[in-house]
C-alpha cells in the first residue's frame, strides 16, 4: 500500500486493492489499518468523507481535508502511476 504523505502524525495512503473504486485516500495515525478514515476525491478537487472509522477529531478532519484537497493533482498522478491507468473514476 503506497503511502502518499504525512500531515502531522497522520498518514495519507492508498490500499493497493482499491484501484477499481473511484479515486480516494485513507488516513490514519500510526500503522495503516482497515479502520482508516476514507475520503472520496471529487472531480473539482473537493473531498467527501466516506467514513471516519479511525475516529479522527472533527478539527483534525477539517485540517486534513484542506491539506488533501491542496494535493489534488499529486494524488491523481500517484493514483494513475500506482494503478497503472490513464483514466480516473471520480465519486462525483
PDB file of N, CA and C in Angstrom:
ATOM      1  N   UNK A   1       0.854  -1.161   0.000  1.00  0.00           N
ATOM      2  CA  UNK A   1       0.000   0.000   0.000  1.00  0.00           C
ATOM      3  C   UNK A   1       0.901   1.225   0.000  1.00  0.00           C
ATOM      4  N   UNK A   2       0.734   2.042  -1.009  1.00  0.00           N
ATOM      5  CA  UNK A   2       1.602   3.219  -1.104  1.00  0.00           C
ATOM      6  C   UNK A   2       1.193   4.335  -0.150  1.00  0.00           C
ATOM      7  N   UNK A   3       2.178   4.818   0.570  1.00  0.00           N
ATOM      8  CA  UNK A   3       1.977   5.981   1.419  1.00  0.00           C
ATOM      9  C   UNK A   3       2.232   7.219   0.564  1.00  0.00           C
ATOM     10  N   UNK A   4       1.302   8.157   0.589  1.00  0.00           N
ATOM     11  CA  UNK A   4       1.433   9.362  -0.229  1.00  0.00           C
ATOM     12  C   UNK A   4       2.211  10.451   0.491  1.00  0.00           C
ATOM     13  N   UNK A   5       1.790  10.760   1.716  1.00  0.00           N
ATOM     14  CA  UNK A   5       2.453  11.796   2.503  1.00  0.00           C
ATOM     15  C   UNK A   5       1.911  11.749   3.925  1.00  0.00           C
ATOM     16  N   UNK A   6       2.546  12.508   4.788  1.00  0.00           N
ATOM     17  CA  UNK A   6       2.088  12.643   6.173  1.00  0.00           C
ATOM     18  C   UNK A   6       1.645  14.069   6.410  1.00  0.00           C
ATOM     19  N   UNK A   7       0.668  14.202   7.275  1.00  0.00           N
ATOM     20  CA  UNK A   7       0.188  15.513   7.726  1.00  0.00           C
ATOM     21  C   UNK A   7       0.248  15.437   9.245  1.00  0.00           C
ATOM     22  N   UNK A   8       1.255  16.033   9.823  1.00  0.00           N
ATOM     23  CA  UNK A   8       1.455  15.886  11.269  1.00  0.00           C
ATOM     24  C   UNK A   8       1.689  14.417  11.587  1.00  0.00           C
ATOM     25  N   UNK A   9       0.874  13.875  12.472  1.00  0.00           N
ATOM     26  CA  UNK A   9       1.014  12.464  12.865  1.00  0.00           C
ATOM     27  C   UNK A   9       0.149  11.528  12.023  1.00  0.00           C
ATOM     28  N   UNK A  10      -0.560  12.080  11.035  1.00  0.00           N
ATOM     29  CA  UNK A  10      -1.449  11.275  10.190  1.00  0.00           C
ATOM     30  C   UNK A  10      -0.756  10.859   8.899  1.00  0.00           C
ATOM     31  N   UNK A  11      -1.039   9.646   8.445  1.00  0.00           N
ATOM     32  CA  UNK A  11      -0.538   9.142   7.171  1.00  0.00           C
ATOM     33  C   UNK A  11      -1.688   9.121   6.173  1.00  0.00           C
ATOM     34  N   UNK A  12      -1.395   9.533   4.949  1.00  0.00           N
ATOM     35  CA  UNK A  12      -2.368   9.510   3.866  1.00  0.00           C
ATOM     36  C   UNK A  12      -1.869   8.486   2.851  1.00  0.00           C
ATOM     37  N   UNK A  13      -2.741   7.536   2.475  1.00  0.00           N
ATOM     38  CA  UNK A  13      -2.286   6.422   1.650  1.00  0.00           C
ATOM     39  C   UNK A  13      -3.422   5.846   0.812  1.00  0.00           C
ATOM     40  N   UNK A  14      -3.048   4.971  -0.141  1.00  0.00           N
ATOM     41  CA  UNK A  14      -3.987   4.142  -0.904  1.00  0.00           C
ATOM     42  C   UNK A  14      -3.868   2.717  -0.393  1.00  0.00           C
ATOM     43  N   UNK A  15      -4.933   1.934  -0.526  1.00  0.00           N
ATOM     44  CA  UNK A  15      -4.837   0.484  -0.392  1.00  0.00           C
ATOM     45  C   UNK A  15      -4.574  -0.042  -1.792  1.00  0.00           C
ATOM     46  N   UNK A  16      -3.687  -0.971  -1.945  1.00  0.00           N
ATOM     47  CA  UNK A  16      -3.330  -1.479  -3.269  1.00  0.00           C
ATOM     48  C   UNK A  16      -4.481  -2.180  -3.973  1.00  0.00           C
ATOM     49  N   UNK A  17      -5.483  -2.620  -3.248  1.00  0.00           N
ATOM     50  CA  UNK A  17      -6.620  -3.322  -3.852  1.00  0.00           C
ATOM     51  C   UNK A  17      -7.762  -2.383  -4.241  1.00  0.00           C
ATOM     52  N   UNK A  18      -7.579  -1.079  -4.088  1.00  0.00           N
ATOM     53  CA  UNK A  18      -8.673  -0.123  -4.288  1.00  0.00           C
ATOM     54  C   UNK A  18      -8.798   0.424  -5.711  1.00  0.00           C
ATOM     55  N   UNK A  19      -8.019  -0.052  -6.654  1.00  0.00           N
ATOM     56  CA  UNK A  19      -7.972   0.529  -7.984  1.00  0.00           C
ATOM     57  C   UNK A  19      -9.258   0.488  -8.778  1.00  0.00           C
ATOM     58  N   UNK A  20     -10.182  -0.390  -8.437  1.00  0.00           N
ATOM     59  CA  UNK A  20     -11.441  -0.462  -9.178  1.00  0.00           C
ATOM     60  C   UNK A  20     -12.471   0.545  -8.667  1.00  0.00           C
ATOM     61  N   UNK A  21     -12.244   1.086  -7.499  1.00  0.00           N
ATOM     62  CA  UNK A  21     -13.150   2.081  -6.922  1.00  0.00           C
ATOM     63  C   UNK A  21     -12.820   3.467  -7.466  1.00  0.00           C
ATOM     64  N   UNK A  22     -13.735   4.427  -7.299  1.00  0.00           N
ATOM     65  CA  UNK A  22     -13.379   5.817  -7.623  1.00  0.00           C
ATOM     66  C   UNK A  22     -12.211   6.269  -6.745  1.00  0.00           C
ATOM     67  N   UNK A  23     -11.489   7.273  -7.206  1.00  0.00           N
ATOM     68  CA  UNK A  23     -10.296   7.744  -6.510  1.00  0.00           C
ATOM     69  C   UNK A  23     -10.641   8.211  -5.090  1.00  0.00           C
ATOM     70  N   UNK A  24      -9.795   7.800  -4.151  1.00  0.00           N
ATOM     71  CA  UNK A  24      -9.976   8.156  -2.740  1.00  0.00           C
ATOM     72  C   UNK A  24      -8.662   7.931  -2.003  1.00  0.00           C
ATOM     73  N   UNK A  25      -8.603   8.441  -0.796  1.00  0.00           N
ATOM     74  CA  UNK A  25      -7.448   8.204   0.069  1.00  0.00           C
ATOM     75  C   UNK A  25      -7.933   7.740   1.430  1.00  0.00           C
ATOM     76  N   UNK A  26      -7.039   7.085   2.134  1.00  0.00           N
ATOM     77  CA  UNK A  26      -7.276   6.661   3.510  1.00  0.00           C
ATOM     78  C   UNK A  26      -6.337   7.452   4.404  1.00  0.00           C
ATOM     79  N   UNK A  27      -6.763   7.692   5.635  1.00  0.00           N
ATOM     80  CA  UNK A  27      -5.972   8.462   6.597  1.00  0.00           C
ATOM     81  C   UNK A  27      -6.015   7.759   7.944  1.00  0.00           C
ATOM     82  N   UNK A  28      -4.847   7.662   8.595  1.00  0.00           N
ATOM     83  CA  UNK A  28      -4.801   7.080   9.930  1.00  0.00           C
ATOM     84  C   UNK A  28      -3.578   7.585  10.669  1.00  0.00           C
ATOM     85  N   UNK A  29      -3.550   7.321  11.950  1.00  0.00           N
ATOM     86  CA  UNK A  29      -2.351   7.549  12.760  1.00  0.00           C
ATOM     87  C   UNK A  29      -1.645   6.219  12.881  1.00  0.00           C
ATOM     88  N   UNK A  30      -0.323   6.251  12.831  1.00  0.00           N
ATOM     89  CA  UNK A  30       0.436   5.020  13.021  1.00  0.00           C
ATOM     90  C   UNK A  30       0.357   4.100  11.816  1.00  0.00           C
ATOM     91  N   UNK A  31       0.303   2.821  12.088  1.00  0.00           N
ATOM     92  CA  UNK A  31       0.306   1.794  11.044  1.00  0.00           C
ATOM     93  C   UNK A  31      -1.047   1.769  10.334  1.00  0.00           C
ATOM     94  N   UNK A  32      -1.054   1.844   8.998  1.00  0.00           N
ATOM     95  CA  UNK A  32      -2.317   1.771   8.263  1.00  0.00           C
ATOM     96  C   UNK A  32      -3.091   0.497   8.589  1.00  0.00           C
ATOM     97  N   UNK A  33      -4.410   0.647   8.721  1.00  0.00           N
ATOM     98  CA  UNK A  33      -5.260  -0.500   9.031  1.00  0.00           C
ATOM     99  C   UNK A  33      -6.568  -0.377   8.272  1.00  0.00           C
ATOM    100  N   UNK A  34      -7.368  -1.417   8.344  1.00  0.00           N
ATOM    101  CA  UNK A  34      -8.671  -1.418   7.679  1.00  0.00           C
ATOM    102  C   UNK A  34      -9.626  -0.400   8.300  1.00  0.00           C
ATOM    103  N   UNK A  35      -9.326   0.070   9.481  1.00  0.00           N
ATOM    104  CA  UNK A  35     -10.171   1.053  10.152  1.00  0.00           C
ATOM    105  C   UNK A  35      -9.764   2.486   9.858  1.00  0.00           C
ATOM    106  N   UNK A  36      -9.039   2.705   8.781  1.00  0.00           N
ATOM    107  CA  UNK A  36      -8.609   4.056   8.429  1.00  0.00           C
ATOM    108  C   UNK A  36      -9.793   4.870   7.912  1.00  0.00           C
ATOM    109  N   UNK A  37      -9.741   6.145   8.162  1.00  0.00           N
ATOM    110  CA  UNK A  37     -10.737   7.083   7.657  1.00  0.00           C
ATOM    111  C   UNK A  37     -10.593   7.172   6.139  1.00  0.00           C
ATOM    112  N   UNK A  38     -11.717   7.371   5.437  1.00  0.00           N
ATOM    113  CA  UNK A  38     -11.690   7.373   3.971  1.00  0.00           C
ATOM    114  C   UNK A  38     -12.334   8.638   3.426  1.00  0.00           C
ATOM    115  N   UNK A  39     -11.619   9.288   2.486  1.00  0.00           N
ATOM    116  CA  UNK A  39     -12.127  10.466   1.781  1.00  0.00           C
ATOM    117  C   UNK A  39     -12.239  10.154   0.290  1.00  0.00           C
ATOM    118  N   UNK A  40     -13.418  10.366  -0.298  1.00  0.00           N
ATOM    119  CA  UNK A  40     -13.572  10.335  -1.752  1.00  0.00           C
ATOM    120  C   UNK A  40     -13.063  11.665  -2.294  1.00  0.00           C
ATOM    121  N   UNK A  41     -12.427  11.624  -3.443  1.00  0.00           N
ATOM    122  CA  UNK A  41     -11.952  12.848  -4.087  1.00  0.00           C
ATOM    123  C   UNK A  41     -12.885  13.150  -5.251  1.00  0.00           C
ATOM    124  N   UNK A  42     -13.343  14.399  -5.346  1.00  0.00           N
ATOM    125  CA  UNK A  42     -14.282  14.775  -6.396  1.00  0.00           C
ATOM    126  C   UNK A  42     -13.550  15.383  -7.598  1.00  0.00           C
ATOM    127  N   UNK A  43     -14.249  15.467  -8.723  1.00  0.00           N
ATOM    128  CA  UNK A  43     -13.669  15.999  -9.964  1.00  0.00           C
ATOM    129  C   UNK A  43     -13.106  17.402  -9.791  1.00  0.00           C
ATOM    130  N   UNK A  44     -13.758  18.191  -8.942  1.00  0.00           N
ATOM    131  CA  UNK A  44     -13.319  19.585  -8.780  1.00  0.00           C
ATOM    132  C   UNK A  44     -12.261  19.740  -7.689  1.00  0.00           C
ATOM    133  N   UNK A  45     -11.744  18.622  -7.173  1.00  0.00           N
ATOM    134  CA  UNK A  45     -10.688  18.673  -6.169  1.00  0.00           C
ATOM    135  C   UNK A  45     -11.184  18.722  -4.742  1.00  0.00           C
ATOM    136  N   UNK A  46     -12.482  18.622  -4.564  1.00  0.00           N
ATOM    137  CA  UNK A  46     -13.044  18.592  -3.210  1.00  0.00           C
ATOM    138  C   UNK A  46     -12.981  17.197  -2.618  1.00  0.00           C
ATOM    139  N   UNK A  47     -13.441  17.083  -1.401  1.00  0.00           N
ATOM    140  CA  UNK A  47     -13.464  15.797  -0.704  1.00  0.00           C
ATOM    141  C   UNK A  47     -14.828  15.534  -0.114  1.00  0.00           C
ATOM    142  N   UNK A  48     -15.166  14.262  -0.043  1.00  0.00           N
ATOM    143  CA  UNK A  48     -16.369  13.814   0.659  1.00  0.00           C
ATOM    144  C   UNK A  48     -15.905  12.759   1.657  1.00  0.00           C
ATOM    145  N   UNK A  49     -16.260  12.951   2.907  1.00  0.00           N
ATOM    146  CA  UNK A  49     -15.891  11.980   3.927  1.00  0.00           C
ATOM    147  C   UNK A  49     -16.761  10.738   3.746  1.00  0.00           C
ATOM    148  N   UNK A  50     -16.144   9.627   3.385  1.00  0.00           N
ATOM    149  CA  UNK A  50     -16.876   8.363   3.215  1.00  0.00           C
ATOM    150  C   UNK A  50     -17.194   7.765   4.579  1.00  0.00           C
ATOM    151  N   UNK A  51     -16.204   7.758   5.453  1.00  0.00           N
ATOM    152  CA  UNK A  51     -16.400   7.300   6.834  1.00  0.00           C
ATOM    153  C   UNK A  51     -15.193   7.716   7.667  1.00  0.00           C
ATOM    154  N   UNK A  52     -15.412   7.743   8.960  1.00  0.00           N
ATOM    155  CA  UNK A  52     -14.357   8.118   9.902  1.00  0.00           C
ATOM    156  C   UNK A  52     -14.150   6.989  10.903  1.00  0.00           C
ATOM    157  N   UNK A  53     -13.839   5.805  10.389  1.00  0.00           N
ATOM    158  CA  UNK A  53     -13.667   4.630  11.249  1.00  0.00           C
ATOM    159  C   UNK A  53     -12.519   4.781  12.248  1.00  0.00           C
ATOM    160  N   UNK A  54     -11.542   5.622  11.929  1.00  0.00           N
ATOM    161  CA  UNK A  54     -10.426   5.795  12.866  1.00  0.00           C
ATOM    162  C   UNK A  54     -10.700   6.901  13.887  1.00  0.00           C
ATOM    163  N   UNK A  55     -11.913   7.442  13.867  1.00  0.00           N
ATOM    164  CA  UNK A  55     -12.364   8.409  14.883  1.00  0.00           C
ATOM    165  C   UNK A  55     -11.449   9.626  15.006  1.00  0.00           C
ATOM    166  N   UNK A  56     -11.086  10.197  13.888  1.00  0.00           N
ATOM    167  CA  UNK A  56     -10.270  11.410  13.888  1.00  0.00           C
ATOM    168  C   UNK A  56     -11.149  12.569  14.352  1.00  0.00           C
ATOM    169  N   UNK A  57     -10.681  13.388  15.283  1.00  0.00           N
ATOM    170  CA  UNK A  57     -11.472  14.522  15.758  1.00  0.00           C
ATOM    171  C   UNK A  57     -11.834  15.474  14.601  1.00  0.00           C
ATOM    172  N   UNK A  58     -13.001  16.098  14.692  1.00  0.00           N
ATOM    173  CA  UNK A  58     -13.501  16.963  13.624  1.00  0.00           C
ATOM    174  C   UNK A  58     -12.520  18.076  13.258  1.00  0.00           C
ATOM    175  N   UNK A  59     -11.884  18.678  14.247  1.00  0.00           N
ATOM    176  CA  UNK A  59     -10.940  19.762  13.940  1.00  0.00           C
ATOM    177  C   UNK A  59      -9.771  19.240  13.096  1.00  0.00           C
ATOM    178  N   UNK A  60      -9.295  18.028  13.398  1.00  0.00           N
ATOM    179  CA  UNK A  60      -8.225  17.420  12.602  1.00  0.00           C
ATOM    180  C   UNK A  60      -8.733  17.046  11.216  1.00  0.00           C
ATOM    181  N   UNK A  61      -9.971  16.537  11.141  1.00  0.00           N
ATOM    182  CA  UNK A  61     -10.552  16.199   9.836  1.00  0.00           C
ATOM    183  C   UNK A  61     -10.600  17.422   8.925  1.00  0.00           C
ATOM    184  N   UNK A  62     -10.988  18.551   9.492  1.00  0.00           N
ATOM    185  CA  UNK A  62     -11.070  19.787   8.701  1.00  0.00           C
ATOM    186  C   UNK A  62      -9.693  20.179   8.152  1.00  0.00           C
ATOM    187  N   UNK A  63      -8.679  20.108   8.982  1.00  0.00           N
ATOM    188  CA  UNK A  63      -7.319  20.442   8.544  1.00  0.00           C
ATOM    189  C   UNK A  63      -6.814  19.435   7.516  1.00  0.00           C
ATOM    190  N   UNK A  64      -7.062  18.170   7.755  1.00  0.00           N
ATOM    191  CA  UNK A  64      -6.636  17.134   6.817  1.00  0.00           C
ATOM    192  C   UNK A  64      -7.312  17.327   5.458  1.00  0.00           C
ATOM    193  N   UNK A  65      -8.600  17.623   5.474  1.00  0.00           N
ATOM    194  CA  UNK A  65      -9.339  17.818   4.229  1.00  0.00           C
ATOM    195  C   UNK A  65      -8.750  18.969   3.424  1.00  0.00           C
ATOM    196  N   UNK A  66      -8.410  20.049   4.078  1.00  0.00           N
ATOM    197  CA  UNK A  66      -7.803  21.185   3.373  1.00  0.00           C
ATOM    198  C   UNK A  66      -6.472  20.791   2.751  1.00  0.00           C
ATOM    199  N   UNK A  67      -5.660  20.098   3.505  1.00  0.00           N
ATOM    200  CA  UNK A  67      -4.344  19.707   3.003  1.00  0.00           C
ATOM    201  C   UNK A  67      -4.468  18.711   1.855  1.00  0.00           C
ATOM    202  N   UNK A  68      -5.323  17.718   2.020  1.00  0.00           N
ATOM    203  CA  UNK A  68      -5.509  16.698   0.983  1.00  0.00           C
ATOM    204  C   UNK A  68      -6.058  17.339  -0.292  1.00  0.00           C
ATOM    205  N   UNK A  69      -7.016  18.239  -0.164  1.00  0.00           N
ATOM    206  CA  UNK A  69      -7.568  18.932  -1.339  1.00  0.00           C
ATOM    207  C   UNK A  69      -6.483  19.687  -2.097  1.00  0.00           C
ATOM    208  N   UNK A  70      -5.568  20.288  -1.369  1.00  0.00           N
ATOM    209  CA  UNK A  70      -4.482  21.049  -1.997  1.00  0.00           C
ATOM    210  C   UNK A  70      -3.516  20.138  -2.760  1.00  0.00           C
ATOM    211  N   UNK A  71      -3.555  18.854  -2.474  1.00  0.00           N
ATOM    212  CA  UNK A  71      -2.680  17.880  -3.136  1.00  0.00           C
ATOM    213  C   UNK A  71      -3.391  17.123  -4.261  1.00  0.00           C
ATOM    214  N   UNK A  72      -4.496  17.669  -4.750  1.00  0.00           N
ATOM    215  CA  UNK A  72      -5.339  17.008  -5.752  1.00  0.00           C
ATOM    216  C   UNK A  72      -4.530  16.479  -6.944  1.00  0.00           C
ATOM    217  N   UNK A  73      -3.738  17.312  -7.578  1.00  0.00           N
ATOM    218  CA  UNK A  73      -3.011  16.898  -8.781  1.00  0.00           C
ATOM    219  C   UNK A  73      -1.953  15.841  -8.463  1.00  0.00           C
ATOM    220  N   UNK A  74      -1.296  15.983  -7.327  1.00  0.00           N
ATOM    221  CA  UNK A  74      -0.311  14.986  -6.902  1.00  0.00           C
ATOM    222  C   UNK A  74      -0.999  13.639  -6.662  1.00  0.00           C
ATOM    223  N   UNK A  75      -2.118  13.639  -5.954  1.00  0.00           N
ATOM    224  CA  UNK A  75      -2.837  12.404  -5.646  1.00  0.00           C
ATOM    225  C   UNK A  75      -3.311  11.737  -6.940  1.00  0.00           C
ATOM    226  N   UNK A  76      -3.859  12.521  -7.861  1.00  0.00           N
ATOM    227  CA  UNK A  76      -4.313  11.961  -9.142  1.00  0.00           C
ATOM    228  C   UNK A  76      -3.151  11.330  -9.899  1.00  0.00           C
ATOM    229  N   UNK A  77      -2.018  11.998  -9.915  1.00  0.00           N
ATOM    230  CA  UNK A  77      -0.834  11.480 -10.596  1.00  0.00           C
ATOM    231  C   UNK A  77      -0.369  10.168  -9.971  1.00  0.00           C
ATOM    232  N   UNK A  78      -0.331  10.129  -8.654  1.00  0.00           N
ATOM    233  CA  UNK A  78       0.098   8.920  -7.955  1.00  0.00           C
ATOM    234  C   UNK A  78      -0.897   7.776  -8.159  1.00  0.00           C
ATOM    235  N   UNK A  79      -2.195   8.083  -8.194  1.00  0.00           N
ATOM    236  CA  UNK A  79      -3.231   7.063  -8.447  1.00  0.00           C
ATOM    237  C   UNK A  79      -2.981   6.418  -9.815  1.00  0.00           C
ATOM    238  N   UNK A  80      -2.758   7.264 -10.824  1.00  0.00           N
ATOM    239  CA  UNK A  80      -2.516   6.752 -12.182  1.00  0.00           C
ATOM    240  C   UNK A  80      -1.279   5.867 -12.227  1.00  0.00           C
ATOM    241  N   UNK A  81      -0.221   6.303 -11.560  1.00  0.00           N
ATOM    242  CA  UNK A  81       1.019   5.509 -11.542  1.00  0.00           C
ATOM    243  C   UNK A  81       0.816   4.178 -10.822  1.00  0.00           C
ATOM    244  N   UNK A  82       0.240   4.256  -9.631  1.00  0.00           N
ATOM    245  CA  UNK A  82       0.117   3.053  -8.815  1.00  0.00           C
ATOM    246  C   UNK A  82      -0.832   2.031  -9.431  1.00  0.00           C
ATOM    247  N   UNK A  83      -1.962   2.499  -9.950  1.00  0.00           N
ATOM    248  CA  UNK A  83      -2.960   1.575 -10.501  1.00  0.00           C
ATOM    249  C   UNK A  83      -2.815   1.385 -12.012  1.00  0.00           C
ATOM    250  N   UNK A  84      -1.738   1.959 -12.572  1.00  0.00           N
ATOM    251  CA  UNK A  84      -1.399   1.789 -13.985  1.00  0.00           C
ATOM    252  C   UNK A  84      -2.603   2.052 -14.892  1.00  0.00           C
ATOM    253  N   UNK A  85      -3.102   3.280 -14.805  1.00  0.00           N
ATOM    254  CA  UNK A  85      -4.264   3.673 -15.590  1.00  0.00           C
ATOM    255  C   UNK A  85      -4.075   5.102 -16.098  1.00  0.00           C
ATOM    256  N   UNK A  86      -4.715   5.417 -17.200  1.00  0.00           N
ATOM    257  CA  UNK A  86      -4.706   6.778 -17.719  1.00  0.00           C
ATOM    258  C   UNK A  86      -5.969   7.526 -17.349  1.00  0.00           C
ATOM    259  N   UNK A  87      -6.983   6.767 -16.919  1.00  0.00           N
ATOM    260  CA  UNK A  87      -8.260   7.386 -16.566  1.00  0.00           C
ATOM    261  C   UNK A  87      -8.543   7.206 -15.081  1.00  0.00           C
ATOM    262  N   UNK A  88      -9.168   8.223 -14.525  1.00  0.00           N
ATOM    263  CA  UNK A  88      -9.542   8.181 -13.110  1.00  0.00           C
ATOM    264  C   UNK A  88     -11.063   8.257 -13.025  1.00  0.00           C
ATOM    265  N   UNK A  89     -11.644   7.370 -12.218  1.00  0.00           N
ATOM    266  CA  UNK A  89     -13.074   7.442 -11.920  1.00  0.00           C
ATOM    267  C   UNK A  89     -13.228   8.286 -10.662  1.00  0.00           C
ATOM    268  N   UNK A  90     -14.169   9.224 -10.690  1.00  0.00           N
ATOM    269  CA  UNK A  90     -14.439  10.058  -9.527  1.00  0.00           C
ATOM    270  C   UNK A  90     -15.774   9.672  -8.911  1.00  0.00           C
ATOM    271  N   UNK A  91     -15.898   9.841  -7.616  1.00  0.00           N
ATOM    272  CA  UNK A  91     -17.134   9.562  -6.895  1.00  0.00           C
ATOM    273  C   UNK A  91     -18.237  10.478  -7.401  1.00  0.00           C
ATOM    274  N   UNK A  92     -17.898  11.745  -7.631  1.00  0.00           N
ATOM    275  CA  UNK A  92     -18.834  12.701  -8.217  1.00  0.00           C
ATOM    276  C   UNK A  92     -18.060  13.924  -8.693  1.00  0.00           C
TER     277      UNK A  92
END
